Protein backbone atom coordinates (compact mmCIF):
# COMPACT_ATOMS: atom_id res chain seq x y z
CA MET A 1 135.02 102.54 105.36
CA VAL A 2 136.45 100.12 103.10
CA ASP A 3 137.53 101.29 99.53
CA LEU A 4 136.35 99.15 97.00
CA GLY A 5 139.16 100.43 94.73
CA ASP A 6 141.62 99.12 97.40
CA ALA A 7 139.88 95.92 98.01
CA SER A 8 139.89 95.24 94.44
CA GLU A 9 143.27 95.93 93.96
CA LYS A 10 143.98 93.14 96.81
CA LEU A 11 141.73 90.83 95.66
CA MET A 12 143.12 91.05 92.14
CA GLY A 13 146.75 90.40 93.90
CA MET A 14 148.26 93.64 92.00
CA ASP A 15 151.78 94.33 92.65
CA ASP A 16 154.01 96.17 90.73
CA ALA A 17 155.14 93.88 87.89
CA THR A 18 151.38 93.03 87.66
CA TRP A 19 150.52 96.69 87.08
CA ARG A 20 153.10 97.21 84.24
CA ARG A 21 151.63 94.44 82.41
CA HIS A 22 148.36 95.55 82.48
CA ALA A 23 149.46 98.82 81.22
CA ASN A 24 149.70 96.99 78.15
CA PRO A 25 146.74 98.50 75.47
CA TRP A 26 145.96 94.99 74.47
CA SER A 27 145.12 94.43 78.62
CA GLY A 28 143.22 97.16 79.04
CA TRP A 29 141.32 97.05 76.23
CA SER A 30 140.37 93.50 76.07
CA ARG A 31 139.26 93.91 79.79
CA VAL A 32 136.30 96.27 78.07
CA ALA A 33 134.92 93.36 76.76
CA THR A 34 134.63 91.86 80.60
CA LEU A 35 130.96 93.30 81.26
CA PRO A 36 129.60 92.23 77.95
CA ALA A 37 130.97 88.80 78.46
CA LEU A 38 129.90 88.33 81.94
CA ALA A 39 126.11 89.34 80.76
CA LEU A 40 126.32 86.51 78.22
CA ALA A 41 127.45 84.14 80.60
CA ILE A 42 124.60 84.99 82.93
CA TRP A 43 122.13 85.26 80.02
CA SER A 44 123.60 81.77 79.03
CA ARG A 45 121.84 79.89 81.74
CA VAL A 46 118.10 80.02 79.34
CA TRP A 47 120.58 78.02 76.84
CA ILE A 48 122.54 75.71 78.82
CA GLY A 49 121.06 75.88 82.27
CA TRP A 50 123.52 75.27 85.43
CA TRP A 51 126.44 74.83 82.78
CA ALA A 52 126.19 78.96 82.65
CA LEU A 53 128.32 78.90 86.42
CA ALA A 54 131.26 77.66 84.17
CA LEU A 55 131.05 80.25 81.93
CA VAL A 56 130.50 82.88 84.60
CA ALA A 57 133.73 80.86 86.10
CA ALA A 58 135.56 81.47 82.88
CA VAL A 59 134.80 85.27 83.18
CA LEU A 60 135.99 85.56 86.60
CA LEU A 61 139.26 83.89 85.72
CA TRP A 62 139.42 85.87 82.97
CA THR A 63 139.26 89.09 84.89
CA TRP A 64 142.06 87.73 87.20
CA LEU A 65 144.39 86.44 84.20
CA ASN A 66 143.92 89.41 81.89
CA PRO A 67 146.67 91.71 83.68
CA ARG A 68 149.01 89.02 83.84
CA LEU A 69 148.65 87.47 80.07
CA PHE A 70 150.48 90.54 78.19
CA PRO A 71 153.83 91.50 78.14
CA GLU A 72 154.98 95.08 79.64
CA PRO A 73 154.28 97.67 76.89
CA ARG A 74 157.13 99.00 75.29
CA SER A 75 155.53 102.49 75.62
CA LEU A 76 153.36 104.13 77.82
CA ASP A 77 152.55 106.63 75.51
CA ASN A 78 149.23 105.94 74.39
CA TRP A 79 145.71 106.66 76.04
CA MET A 80 145.12 103.11 77.55
CA SER A 81 148.49 102.76 79.10
CA ARG A 82 148.20 106.02 80.60
CA GLY A 83 144.87 105.30 82.08
CA VAL A 84 145.95 102.20 83.33
CA MET A 85 148.74 104.05 85.49
CA GLY A 86 146.80 106.80 86.15
CA GLU A 87 144.54 104.42 87.94
CA ARG A 88 147.40 103.51 90.16
CA ILE A 89 147.76 107.40 91.01
CA TRP A 90 144.16 107.11 92.04
CA LEU A 91 144.86 104.25 94.35
CA ALA A 92 147.81 105.83 95.93
CA ARG A 93 145.37 108.70 96.29
CA LYS A 94 145.80 108.76 100.25
CA ARG A 95 149.26 108.40 100.54
CA GLU A 96 149.82 111.15 97.48
CA PRO A 97 146.88 113.52 97.41
CA ILE A 98 145.43 114.20 94.37
CA PRO A 99 143.47 117.68 92.97
CA ALA A 100 139.96 117.83 94.84
CA HIS A 101 138.32 118.08 91.69
CA HIS A 102 139.68 115.27 90.12
CA ALA A 103 138.85 113.20 92.93
CA ARG A 104 135.56 114.17 93.26
CA MET A 105 135.03 113.60 89.26
CA ALA A 106 136.22 109.92 89.78
CA ASN A 107 133.81 109.37 92.86
CA LEU A 108 131.22 110.64 90.65
CA LEU A 109 131.98 108.23 87.88
CA ASN A 110 132.68 105.26 89.96
CA GLY A 111 129.35 106.01 91.57
CA LEU A 112 127.47 106.25 88.48
CA SER A 113 129.10 102.93 87.16
CA ALA A 114 128.21 101.18 90.42
CA LEU A 115 124.72 102.57 90.23
CA ALA A 116 124.21 101.28 86.75
CA MET A 117 124.95 98.06 88.12
CA VAL A 118 121.51 97.99 89.78
CA PRO A 119 119.19 97.91 86.08
CA PHE A 120 122.10 95.64 84.86
CA ALA A 121 121.48 93.06 87.56
CA TRP A 122 117.80 93.55 87.33
CA GLY A 123 117.73 92.71 83.86
CA LEU A 124 120.14 89.85 84.15
CA TRP A 125 117.57 88.23 86.82
CA GLN A 126 114.67 89.00 84.93
CA LEU A 127 116.16 88.29 81.21
CA GLY A 128 114.98 91.91 80.47
CA ILE A 129 117.41 92.99 77.47
CA TRP A 130 116.57 96.92 77.90
CA PRO A 131 117.53 97.05 81.70
CA THR A 132 120.73 94.44 80.76
CA VAL A 133 121.82 96.76 78.14
CA PHE A 134 121.08 100.16 79.35
CA GLY A 135 122.90 99.18 82.84
CA MET A 136 125.66 97.55 81.08
CA ALA A 137 126.33 100.74 78.65
CA VAL A 138 126.07 103.34 81.07
CA SER A 139 128.62 101.65 83.17
CA MET A 140 130.85 100.73 80.80
CA LEU A 141 130.69 104.50 79.56
CA ALA A 142 131.06 105.69 83.15
CA LYS A 143 134.29 103.46 83.73
CA LEU A 144 135.79 104.55 80.23
CA TRP A 145 135.28 108.19 81.17
CA PHE A 146 137.07 107.20 84.60
CA VAL A 147 139.62 105.75 82.58
CA ASP A 148 139.93 109.31 80.75
CA ARG A 149 140.15 111.00 84.07
CA MET A 150 142.96 108.76 85.04
CA VAL A 151 144.78 109.77 81.95
CA THR A 152 144.45 113.25 83.36
CA LEU A 153 145.65 112.49 86.53
CA ARG A 154 149.08 110.37 84.74
CA ARG A 155 149.46 113.67 82.86
CA ILE A 156 149.47 115.88 85.59
CA ALA A 157 151.87 113.78 87.54
CA GLU A 158 154.12 113.72 84.52
CA GLY A 159 154.22 117.69 84.68
CA GLN A 160 152.27 117.70 81.47
CA GLU A 161 149.21 119.72 82.60
CA GLY A 162 148.27 121.71 85.51
CA GLY A 163 145.93 120.44 87.94
């Protein structure tokens, strides 16, 4: 079975230096705007027709550039940086196992986020505001909760919390 996290990391070309730059809280927090920007880009087909594809391409380019645009943070002592670095621990879980209850919760949140893409995509296809907003909100909340779980993983790895 394909691990979407590993596939995403490879597709994004995330090496150690890129992860360190992505740990800059400006990178993490600005990345939160990606899903709303994608929704707006797709929705813009109503106003600008096929030019909307240029906006979609710009959002995809932003998604790839974002972890590379910001300098390494001076400190990882903030919620977003810890979450990003915790995600590295999550992605390495096959080599370095993590506590089972953390894996279950992370999988549940990732599944919820993915499931929320159904009404999001349907809403974008049908130009329905409520399914679009509902799907986007649930997906983003699940992703932010996932990041919070990654903060906990990072603290465990640093020996600041029990498993």
